[in-house]
C-alpha atoms as a PDB file:
ATOM      1  CA  MET A   1       0.000   0.000   0.000  1.00  0.00           C
ATOM      2  CA  THR A   2       1.086   3.566  -0.644  1.00  0.00           C
ATOM      3  CA  ALA A   3       1.272   6.220   2.042  1.00  0.00           C
ATOM      4  CA  ALA A   4      -1.738   7.932   0.464  1.00  0.00           C
ATOM      5  CA  CYS A   5      -3.911   5.015   1.588  1.00  0.00           C
ATOM      6  CA  PHE A   6      -3.412   6.093   5.193  1.00  0.00           C
ATOM      7  CA  ARG A   7      -4.371   9.752   4.842  1.00  0.00           C
ATOM      8  CA  PRO A   8      -6.647  10.513   7.805  1.00  0.00           C
ATOM      9  CA  GLN A   9     -10.210  11.525   7.061  1.00  0.00           C
ATOM     10  CA  TRP A  10     -11.449  14.079   9.551  1.00  0.00           C
ATOM     11  CA  HIS A  11     -15.051  14.038  10.652  1.00  0.00           C
ATOM     12  CA  ALA A  12     -16.068  17.064  12.677  1.00  0.00           C
ATOM     13  CA  GLU A  13     -19.292  18.224  14.287  1.00  0.00           C
ATOM     14  CA  LEU A  14     -20.334  21.484  15.906  1.00  0.00           C
ATOM     15  CA  GLU A  15     -23.635  21.979  17.714  1.00  0.00           C
ATOM     16  CA  LEU A  16     -24.720  25.429  18.891  1.00  0.00           C
ATOM     17  CA  ALA A  17     -27.836  26.797  20.569  1.00  0.00           C
ATOM     18  CA  TYR A  18     -28.840  30.211  21.869  1.00  0.00           C
ATOM     19  CA  VAL A  19     -31.434  31.485  24.356  1.00  0.00           C
ATOM     20  CA  HIS A  20     -32.882  34.887  25.146  1.00  0.00           C
ATOM     21  CA  SER A  21     -32.456  35.627  28.831  1.00  0.00           C
ATOM     22  CA  GLY A  22     -32.195  38.756  30.968  1.00  0.00           C
ATOM     23  CA  GLY A  23     -32.731  41.100  28.037  1.00  0.00           C
ATOM     24  CA  GLY A  24     -30.049  39.543  25.847  1.00  0.00           C
ATOM     25  CA  THR A  25     -28.915  36.474  23.932  1.00  0.00           C
ATOM     26  CA  ARG A  26     -26.388  34.004  25.264  1.00  0.00           C
ATOM     27  CA  PRO A  27     -25.153  30.555  24.197  1.00  0.00           C
ATOM     28  CA  SER A  28     -26.964  27.647  25.834  1.00  0.00           C
ATOM     29  CA  LEU A  29     -25.114  24.856  24.027  1.00  0.00           C
ATOM     30  CA  ARG A  30     -21.641  24.631  22.519  1.00  0.00           C
ATOM     31  CA  ARG A  31     -20.669  21.067  21.729  1.00  0.00           C
ATOM     32  CA  HIS A  32     -17.995  19.951  19.283  1.00  0.00           C
ATOM     33  CA  SER A  33     -16.312  16.807  18.061  1.00  0.00           C
ATOM     34  CA  GLY A  34     -13.210  16.866  15.893  1.00  0.00           C
ATOM     35  CA  PRO A  35     -11.671  20.006  14.348  1.00  0.00           C
ATOM     36  CA  LEU A  36     -14.564  22.481  14.537  1.00  0.00           C
ATOM     37  CA  ARG A  37     -14.706  25.218  17.143  1.00  0.00           C
ATOM     38  CA  VAL A  38     -16.175  28.599  17.949  1.00  0.00           C
ATOM     39  CA  GLN A  39     -14.304  31.443  19.546  1.00  0.00           C
ATOM     40  CA  LYS A  40     -15.614  33.099  22.696  1.00  0.00           C
ATOM     41  CA  HIS A  41     -18.994  34.648  22.010  1.00  0.00           C
ATOM     42  CA  LEU A  42     -19.104  38.408  21.474  1.00  0.00           C
ATOM     43  CA  HIS A  43     -21.707  41.124  22.069  1.00  0.00           C
ATOM     44  CA  ALA A  44     -20.274  43.846  19.822  1.00  0.00           C
ATOM     45  CA  GLU A  45     -23.744  45.384  19.325  1.00  0.00           C
ATOM     46  CA  GLY A  46     -24.865  45.029  22.903  1.00  0.00           C
ATOM     47  CA  PRO A  47     -26.452  42.104  24.736  1.00  0.00           C
ATOM     48  CA  GLU A  48     -29.276  41.529  22.242  1.00  0.00           C
ATOM     49  CA  VAL A  49     -27.068  40.026  19.485  1.00  0.00           C
ATOM     50  CA  CYS A  50     -24.727  37.114  20.241  1.00  0.00           C
ATOM     51  CA  GLN A  51     -21.934  36.649  17.713  1.00  0.00           C
ATOM     52  CA  HIS A  52     -19.861  33.516  17.213  1.00  0.00           C
ATOM     53  CA  ILE A  53     -16.932  32.986  14.842  1.00  0.00           C
ATOM     54  CA  ILE A  54     -16.734  29.411  13.558  1.00  0.00           C
ATOM     55  CA  ILE A  55     -13.185  28.050  13.253  1.00  0.00           C
ATOM     56  CA  HIS A  56     -11.991  25.018  11.288  1.00  0.00           C
ATOM     57  CA  PRO A  57      -8.388  24.665  12.572  1.00  0.00           C
ATOM     58  CA  PRO A  58      -7.045  22.475   9.706  1.00  0.00           C
ATOM     59  CA  GLY A  59      -7.702  25.393   7.349  1.00  0.00           C
ATOM     60  CA  GLY A  60      -9.016  23.230   4.508  1.00  0.00           C
ATOM     61  CA  ILE A  61     -11.232  20.275   3.621  1.00  0.00           C
ATOM     62  CA  ALA A  62      -9.771  17.261   1.819  1.00  0.00           C
ATOM     63  CA  GLY A  63     -11.170  14.049   0.359  1.00  0.00           C
ATOM     64  CA  GLY A  64     -13.292  12.056   2.793  1.00  0.00           C
ATOM     65  CA  ASP A  65     -13.632  14.894   5.319  1.00  0.00           C
ATOM     66  CA  GLN A  66     -17.150  15.484   6.640  1.00  0.00           C
ATOM     67  CA  LEU A  67     -18.302  18.581   8.515  1.00  0.00           C
ATOM     68  CA  ARG A  68     -21.636  18.825  10.343  1.00  0.00           C
ATOM     69  CA  ILE A  69     -22.783  22.124  11.814  1.00  0.00           C
ATOM     70  CA  SER A  70     -26.088  22.779  13.542  1.00  0.00           C
ATOM     71  CA  ALA A  71     -27.312  25.961  15.197  1.00  0.00           C
ATOM     72  CA  GLN A  72     -30.604  26.719  16.916  1.00  0.00           C
ATOM     73  CA  ALA A  73     -31.777  30.206  17.832  1.00  0.00           C
ATOM     74  CA  GLY A  74     -34.267  29.795  20.680  1.00  0.00           C
ATOM     75  CA  PRO A  75     -37.420  31.924  21.064  1.00  0.00           C
ATOM     76  CA  GLY A  76     -36.662  35.633  20.978  1.00  0.00           C
ATOM     77  CA  SER A  77     -32.897  35.179  20.626  1.00  0.00           C
ATOM     78  CA  TRP A  78     -30.577  36.718  18.002  1.00  0.00           C
ATOM     79  CA  ALA A  79     -27.469  34.866  16.818  1.00  0.00           C
ATOM     80  CA  GLN A  80     -24.951  35.981  14.229  1.00  0.00           C
ATOM     81  CA  LEU A  81     -22.488  33.415  12.848  1.00  0.00           C
ATOM     82  CA  THR A  82     -19.518  34.145  10.621  1.00  0.00           C
ATOM     83  CA  SER A  83     -16.016  32.840   9.855  1.00  0.00           C
ATOM     84  CA  PRO A  84     -12.489  34.281  10.069  1.00  0.00           C
ATOM     85  CA  GLY A  85     -11.509  33.588   6.470  1.00  0.00           C
ATOM     86  CA  ALA A  86     -12.134  31.540   3.349  1.00  0.00           C
ATOM     87  CA  ALA A  87     -12.914  27.823   3.557  1.00  0.00           C
ATOM     88  CA  LYS A  88     -10.677  25.885   1.170  1.00  0.00           C
ATOM     89  CA  TRP A  89     -11.800  22.647  -0.484  1.00  0.00           C
ATOM     90  CA  TYR A  90      -8.722  20.826  -1.796  1.00  0.00           C
ATOM     91  CA  ARG A  91      -8.195  18.605  -4.802  1.00  0.00           C
ATOM     92  CA  ALA A  92      -9.089  15.045  -3.782  1.00  0.00           C
ATOM     93  CA  GLY A  93      -9.838  11.604  -5.105  1.00  0.00           C
ATOM     94  CA  ALA A  94     -12.819  11.153  -2.782  1.00  0.00           C
ATOM     95  CA  SER A  95     -15.812  13.355  -2.029  1.00  0.00           C
ATOM     96  CA  ALA A  96     -15.883  15.633   1.007  1.00  0.00           C
ATOM     97  CA  GLY A  97     -19.026  17.094   2.483  1.00  0.00           C
ATOM     98  CA  GLN A  98     -20.632  19.663   4.723  1.00  0.00           C
ATOM     99  CA  GLN A  99     -24.056  19.408   6.310  1.00  0.00           C
ATOM    100  CA  LEU A 100     -25.528  22.574   7.777  1.00  0.00           C
ATOM    101  CA  ALA A 101     -28.749  22.586   9.809  1.00  0.00           C
ATOM    102  CA  LEU A 102     -30.171  25.878  11.092  1.00  0.00           C
ATOM    103  CA  ARG A 103     -33.331  26.271  13.152  1.00  0.00           C
ATOM    104  CA  VAL A 104     -34.863  29.622  14.104  1.00  0.00           C
ATOM    105  CA  GLU A 105     -37.600  29.563  16.739  1.00  0.00           C
ATOM    106  CA  ALA A 106     -40.495  31.954  17.376  1.00  0.00           C
ATOM    107  CA  GLY A 107     -39.464  35.603  17.415  1.00  0.00           C
ATOM    108  CA  ALA A 108     -35.791  34.722  16.895  1.00  0.00           C
ATOM    109  CA  THR A 109     -33.262  36.012  14.359  1.00  0.00           C
ATOM    110  CA  LEU A 110     -30.349  34.158  12.795  1.00  0.00           C
ATOM    111  CA  GLU A 111     -27.690  35.684  10.561  1.00  0.00           C
ATOM    112  CA  TRP A 112     -25.453  33.227   8.712  1.00  0.00           C
ATOM    113  CA  LEU A 113     -22.684  35.350   7.155  1.00  0.00           C
ATOM    114  CA  PRO A 114     -19.589  33.239   6.405  1.00  0.00           C
ATOM    115  CA  GLN A 115     -16.731  34.313   4.207  1.00  0.00           C
ATOM    116  CA  GLU A 116     -16.220  32.586   0.871  1.00  0.00           C
ATOM    117  CA  SER A 117     -15.655  28.907   0.106  1.00  0.00           C
ATOM    118  CA  ILE A 118     -12.925  28.230  -2.469  1.00  0.00           C
ATOM    119  CA  PHE A 119     -13.105  24.985  -4.445  1.00  0.00           C
ATOM    120  CA  TYR A 120      -9.746  24.028  -5.944  1.00  0.00           C
ATOM    121  CA  SER A 121      -9.707  22.327  -9.323  1.00  0.00           C
ATOM    122  CA  GLY A 122     -10.163  18.626  -8.600  1.00  0.00           C
ATOM    123  CA  ALA A 123     -12.192  19.183  -5.436  1.00  0.00           C
ATOM    124  CA  ARG A 124     -15.164  16.882  -4.993  1.00  0.00           C
ATOM    125  CA  ALA A 125     -17.587  18.613  -2.652  1.00  0.00           C
ATOM    126  CA  ALA A 126     -21.162  18.008  -1.532  1.00  0.00           C
ATOM    127  CA  LEU A 127     -22.888  20.745   0.480  1.00  0.00           C
ATOM    128  CA  GLN A 128     -26.292  20.263   2.072  1.00  0.00           C
ATOM    129  CA  THR A 129     -28.144  23.011   3.958  1.00  0.00           C
ATOM    130  CA  ARG A 130     -31.533  22.773   5.665  1.00  0.00           C
ATOM    131  CA  ILE A 131     -33.075  25.785   7.398  1.00  0.00           C
ATOM    132  CA  GLU A 132     -36.262  25.616   9.462  1.00  0.00           C
ATOM    133  CA  LEU A 133     -38.083  28.804  10.436  1.00  0.00           C
ATOM    134  CA  ALA A 134     -40.915  29.364  12.884  1.00  0.00           C
ATOM    135  CA  GLU A 135     -43.811  31.500  11.636  1.00  0.00           C
ATOM    136  CA  ASP A 136     -42.314  34.833  12.748  1.00  0.00           C
ATOM    137  CA  ALA A 137     -38.622  33.856  12.741  1.00  0.00           C
ATOM    138  CA  ARG A 138     -36.195  36.018  10.781  1.00  0.00           C
ATOM    139  CA  LEU A 139     -33.292  34.860   8.629  1.00  0.00           C
ATOM    140  CA  PHE A 140     -30.425  36.591   6.858  1.00  0.00           C
ATOM    141  CA  TYR A 141     -28.278  34.058   4.976  1.00  0.00           C
ATOM    142  CA  TRP A 142     -25.576  34.198   2.340  1.00  0.00           C
ATOM    143  CA  ASP A 143     -23.006  31.983   0.668  1.00  0.00           C
ATOM    144  CA  ILE A 144     -20.123  32.807  -1.675  1.00  0.00           C
ATOM    145  CA  LEU A 145     -18.757  29.996  -3.847  1.00  0.00           C
ATOM    146  CA  ALA A 146     -15.478  30.475  -5.727  1.00  0.00           C
ATOM    147  CA  LEU A 147     -14.490  27.919  -8.367  1.00  0.00           C
ATOM    148  CA  GLY A 148     -10.763  27.454  -8.892  1.00  0.00           C
ATOM    149  CA  ARG A 149      -8.105  30.030  -8.067  1.00  0.00           C
ATOM    150  CA  PRO A 150      -8.092  32.656 -10.818  1.00  0.00           C
ATOM    151  CA  ALA A 151      -5.281  34.669  -9.192  1.00  0.00           C
ATOM    152  CA  SER A 152      -3.051  31.597  -9.648  1.00  0.00           C
ATOM    153  CA  GLY A 153      -4.311  30.914 -13.151  1.00  0.00           C
ATOM    154  CA  GLU A 154      -6.272  27.848 -11.992  1.00  0.00           C
ATOM    155  CA  ARG A 155      -9.672  27.172 -13.520  1.00  0.00           C
ATOM    156  CA  PHE A 156     -12.176  24.673 -12.154  1.00  0.00           C
ATOM    157  CA  ALA A 157     -11.203  22.138 -14.800  1.00  0.00           C
ATOM    158  CA  ASP A 158     -11.819  18.949 -12.815  1.00  0.00           C
ATOM    159  CA  GLY A 159     -13.939  17.727  -9.907  1.00  0.00           C
ATOM    160  CA  HIS A 160     -17.484  18.646  -8.954  1.00  0.00           C
ATOM    161  CA  LEU A 161     -19.613  20.726  -6.614  1.00  0.00           C
ATOM    162  CA  HIS A 162     -23.048  19.545  -5.547  1.00  0.00           C
ATOM    163  CA  ASN A 163     -24.991  22.091  -3.504  1.00  0.00           C
ATOM    164  CA  ALA A 164     -28.437  21.599  -1.950  1.00  0.00           C
ATOM    165  CA  LEU A 165     -30.397  24.247  -0.036  1.00  0.00           C
ATOM    166  CA  ASP A 166     -33.891  23.943   1.464  1.00  0.00           C
ATOM    167  CA  ILE A 167     -35.694  26.517   3.612  1.00  0.00           C
ATOM    168  CA  TYR A 168     -38.941  25.713   5.433  1.00  0.00           C
ATOM    169  CA  ARG A 169     -41.382  28.023   7.179  1.00  0.00           C
ATOM    170  CA  GLU A 170     -43.515  26.094   9.698  1.00  0.00           C
ATOM    171  CA  GLY A 171     -42.976  22.955   7.652  1.00  0.00           C
ATOM    172  CA  ARG A 172     -43.898  24.619   4.332  1.00  0.00           C
ATOM    173  CA  LEU A 173     -41.188  24.617   1.701  1.00  0.00           C
ATOM    174  CA  LEU A 174     -40.114  28.214   1.067  1.00  0.00           C
ATOM    175  CA  TRP A 175     -36.963  27.683  -1.031  1.00  0.00           C
ATOM    176  CA  HIS A 176     -35.641  24.591  -2.814  1.00  0.00           C
ATOM    177  CA  GLU A 177     -32.433  24.653  -4.830  1.00  0.00           C
ATOM    178  CA  ARG A 178     -30.018  22.139  -6.323  1.00  0.00           C
ATOM    179  CA  GLN A 179     -26.734  23.004  -8.055  1.00  0.00           C
ATOM    180  CA  ARG A 180     -24.542  20.466  -9.841  1.00  0.00           C
ATOM    181  CA  ILE A 181     -21.330  21.895 -11.265  1.00  0.00           C
ATOM    182  CA  GLN A 182     -18.823  19.716 -13.093  1.00  0.00           C
ATOM    183  CA  GLY A 183     -15.230  20.791 -13.557  1.00  0.00           C
ATOM    184  CA  GLY A 184     -14.499  21.737 -17.163  1.00  0.00           C
ATOM    185  CA  ASP A 185     -18.187  21.762 -18.141  1.00  0.00           C
ATOM    186  CA  GLY A 186     -19.186  24.070 -20.980  1.00  0.00           C
ATOM    187  CA  LEU A 187     -21.722  25.857 -18.752  1.00  0.00           C
ATOM    188  CA  LEU A 188     -18.855  27.433 -16.811  1.00  0.00           C
ATOM    189  CA  ASP A 189     -18.203  29.721 -19.792  1.00  0.00           C
ATOM    190  CA  SER A 190     -21.616  29.707 -21.470  1.00  0.00           C
ATOM    191  CA  PRO A 191     -23.758  32.871 -21.318  1.00  0.00           C
ATOM    192  CA  ILE A 192     -26.622  30.678 -20.096  1.00  0.00           C
ATOM    193  CA  GLY A 193     -24.370  29.345 -17.319  1.00  0.00           C
ATOM    194  CA  LEU A 194     -21.719  31.214 -15.345  1.00  0.00           C
ATOM    195  CA  GLY A 195     -20.538  33.277 -18.301  1.00  0.00           C
ATOM    196  CA  GLY A 196     -16.865  32.753 -17.500  1.00  0.00           C
ATOM    197  CA  GLN A 197     -17.194  34.170 -13.998  1.00  0.00           C
ATOM    198  CA  PRO A 198     -15.628  31.897 -11.344  1.00  0.00           C
ATOM    199  CA  VAL A 199     -17.570  33.275  -8.349  1.00  0.00           C
ATOM    200  CA  MET A 200     -21.270  33.032  -7.566  1.00  0.00           C
ATOM    201  CA  ALA A 201     -23.001  34.370  -4.480  1.00  0.00           C
ATOM    202  CA  THR A 202     -26.505  34.198  -3.034  1.00  0.00           C
ATOM    203  CA  LEU A 203     -28.217  36.226  -0.332  1.00  0.00           C
ATOM    204  CA  LEU A 204     -31.574  35.148   1.118  1.00  0.00           C
ATOM    205  CA  ALA A 205     -33.495  37.236   3.633  1.00  0.00           C
ATOM    206  CA  SER A 206     -36.903  36.401   5.068  1.00  0.00           C
ATOM    207  CA  GLY A 207     -39.585  39.041   4.703  1.00  0.00           C
ATOM    208  CA  ASP A 208     -40.715  41.666   2.214  1.00  0.00           C
ATOM    209  CA  ILE A 209     -39.293  45.095   1.460  1.00  0.00           C
ATOM    210  CA  PRO A 210     -40.818  48.196  -0.185  1.00  0.00           C
ATOM    211  CA  ALA A 211     -40.309  48.630  -3.899  1.00  0.00           C
ATOM    212  CA  SER A 212     -38.342  51.823  -3.219  1.00  0.00           C
ATOM    213  CA  LEU A 213     -35.790  49.936  -1.096  1.00  0.00           C
ATOM    214  CA  LEU A 214     -35.535  47.201  -3.717  1.00  0.00           C
ATOM    215  CA  GLU A 215     -34.706  49.823  -6.319  1.00  0.00           C
ATOM    216  CA  GLU A 216     -32.169  51.447  -3.984  1.00  0.00           C
ATOM    217  CA  CYS A 217     -30.423  48.085  -3.648  1.00  0.00           C
ATOM    218  CA  ARG A 218     -30.303  47.744  -7.418  1.00  0.00           C
ATOM    219  CA  GLN A 219     -28.645  51.138  -7.745  1.00  0.00           C
ATOM    220  CA  LEU A 220     -25.711  50.259  -5.476  1.00  0.00           C
ATOM    221  CA  THR A 221     -22.284  50.803  -7.026  1.00  0.00           C
ATOM    222  CA  ARG A 222     -20.678  47.532  -8.063  1.00  0.00           C
ATOM    223  CA  PRO A 223     -17.448  46.427  -9.750  1.00  0.00           C
ATOM    224  CA  ALA A 224     -17.549  46.472 -13.535  1.00  0.00           C
ATOM    225  CA  ARG A 225     -17.304  42.671 -13.839  1.00  0.00           C
ATOM    226  CA  LEU A 226     -19.957  41.882 -11.242  1.00  0.00           C
ATOM    227  CA  ARG A 227     -23.447  41.027 -12.483  1.00  0.00           C
ATOM    228  CA  GLY A 228     -26.109  40.966  -9.797  1.00  0.00           C
ATOM    229  CA  ASP A 229     -29.769  41.598  -9.136  1.00  0.00           C
ATOM    230  CA  LEU A 230     -32.511  41.101  -6.553  1.00  0.00           C
ATOM    231  CA  THR A 231     -35.945  39.502  -6.643  1.00  0.00           C
ATOM    232  CA  GLN A 232     -38.722  39.860  -4.087  1.00  0.00           C
ATOM    233  CA  LEU A 233     -40.619  36.587  -3.731  1.00  0.00           C
ATOM    234  CA  PRO A 234     -43.525  36.124  -1.305  1.00  0.00           C
ATOM    235  CA  GLY A 235     -41.857  36.232   2.117  1.00  0.00           C
ATOM    236  CA  LEU A 236     -38.307  35.914   0.778  1.00  0.00           C
ATOM    237  CA  LEU A 237     -35.847  38.382  -0.754  1.00  0.00           C
ATOM    238  CA  VAL A 238     -33.290  36.819  -3.111  1.00  0.00           C
ATOM    239  CA  ALA A 239     -30.081  38.491  -4.315  1.00  0.00           C
ATOM    240  CA  ARG A 240     -27.590  36.766  -6.620  1.00  0.00           C
ATOM    241  CA  CYS A 241     -24.428  37.714  -8.414  1.00  0.00           C
ATOM    242  CA  LEU A 242     -21.634  36.443 -10.617  1.00  0.00           C
ATOM    243  CA  ALA A 243     -18.191  37.989 -10.145  1.00  0.00           C
ATOM    244  CA  ASP A 244     -14.588  37.643 -11.216  1.00  0.00           C
ATOM    245  CA  GLU A 245     -13.305  37.729  -7.616  1.00  0.00           C
ATOM    246  CA  ALA A 246     -14.724  36.586  -4.281  1.00  0.00           C
ATOM    247  CA  LEU A 247     -13.692  39.938  -2.809  1.00  0.00           C
ATOM    248  CA  HIS A 248     -16.049  41.750  -5.174  1.00  0.00           C
ATOM    249  CA  ALA A 249     -18.972  39.410  -4.474  1.00  0.00           C
ATOM    250  CA  ARG A 250     -18.475  39.735  -0.714  1.00  0.00           C
ATOM    251  CA  ALA A 251     -18.282  43.518  -0.923  1.00  0.00           C
ATOM    252  CA  TRP A 252     -21.612  43.611  -2.799  1.00  0.00           C
ATOM    253  CA  LEU A 253     -23.308  41.332  -0.261  1.00  0.00           C
ATOM    254  CA  ILE A 254     -22.036  43.485   2.608  1.00  0.00           C
ATOM    255  CA  GLN A 255     -23.424  46.594   0.918  1.00  0.00           C
ATOM    256  CA  LEU A 256     -26.807  44.911   0.599  1.00  0.00           C
ATOM    257  CA  TRP A 257     -26.693  43.745   4.215  1.00  0.00           C
ATOM    258  CA  GLN A 258     -25.851  47.247   5.416  1.00  0.00           C
ATOM    259  CA  LEU A 259     -28.761  48.685   3.444  1.00  0.00           C
ATOM    260  CA  LEU A 260     -31.321  45.971   4.213  1.00  0.00           C
ATOM    261  CA  ARG A 261     -30.636  45.133   7.857  1.00  0.00           C
ATOM    262  CA  PRO A 262     -32.133  48.308   9.371  1.00  0.00           C
ATOM    263  CA  SER A 263     -35.356  47.859   7.400  1.00  0.00           C
ATOM    264  CA  MET A 264     -35.730  44.075   7.640  1.00  0.00           C
ATOM    265  CA  LEU A 265     -34.262  43.423  11.092  1.00  0.00           C
ATOM    266  CA  GLY A 266     -34.600  46.786  12.814  1.00  0.00           C
ATOM    267  CA  ARG A 267     -30.922  47.264  13.661  1.00  0.00           C
ATOM    268  CA  PRO A 268     -28.093  49.133  11.909  1.00  0.00           C
ATOM    269  CA  ALA A 269     -25.490  46.885  10.297  1.00  0.00           C
ATOM    270  CA  VAL A 270     -22.289  46.648  12.335  1.00  0.00           C
ATOM    271  CA  PRO A 271     -19.685  44.636  10.363  1.00  0.00           C
ATOM    272  CA  PRO A 272     -17.919  42.023  12.531  1.00  0.00           C
ATOM    273  CA  ARG A 273     -14.343  43.075  13.274  1.00  0.00           C
ATOM    274  CA  ILE A 274     -13.052  39.753  11.956  1.00  0.00           C
ATOM    275  CA  TRP A 275     -13.985  40.873   8.419  1.00  0.00           C
ATOM    276  CA  SER A 276     -11.333  43.605   8.621  1.00  0.00           C
ATOM    277  CA  THR A 277      -8.442  41.430   9.806  1.00  0.00           C
END
């Protein structure tokens, strides 16, 4: 046998829960197994919003690795989850995966605002996200997916990315999406696919906004090579973009968040300090 046969496969789990108590939000559960952690919780905006930064110490996901993350915002609580940097999915001969389960209880708010995920050419990744919302729960969610490493001249020429996202409101399906991207596929460059742009990003926010605010979002300044727009569906705002760099996609999402958060969540947007480090 070769040494490669003995490469360890890391399975990691992180389970988080939050409660509203004494006029603020605090963690009620923080359980982990394997290389997934959170830093000490922060209250940068005051006691009402509890912020956690999710850490994956290995710094990258390789073939066979499996990550499972669950977070529950209890009634009336407000949790904000982000990450310190990009998640890197390495070239591998076997599939790696991430399962994300978010639950937002009555009157609670959950913001899922990670930095980008970079999928190296040859990565084989399967992402599965399930979000369950109570009737009056509030959600602000985004993901940024970067294919290959354009700065190094690497295109996503091999491997695959399978991405599944389902959002439920009181058991009713609110959003259902499946993405299957094959390395080297013609749709990566096709105008009916990604149009040659290696980065795609999605923002989903529960609720409805006035037409004037929707138009204001559309008028935001954006990089020349970023194509993005917003759609108001019943009970769900959707924003999507294609970009040449993850930095540009993230900057656009942050602009939207800063504009939308006061109207949709009733608080000004205070960017986590970790985004500036």
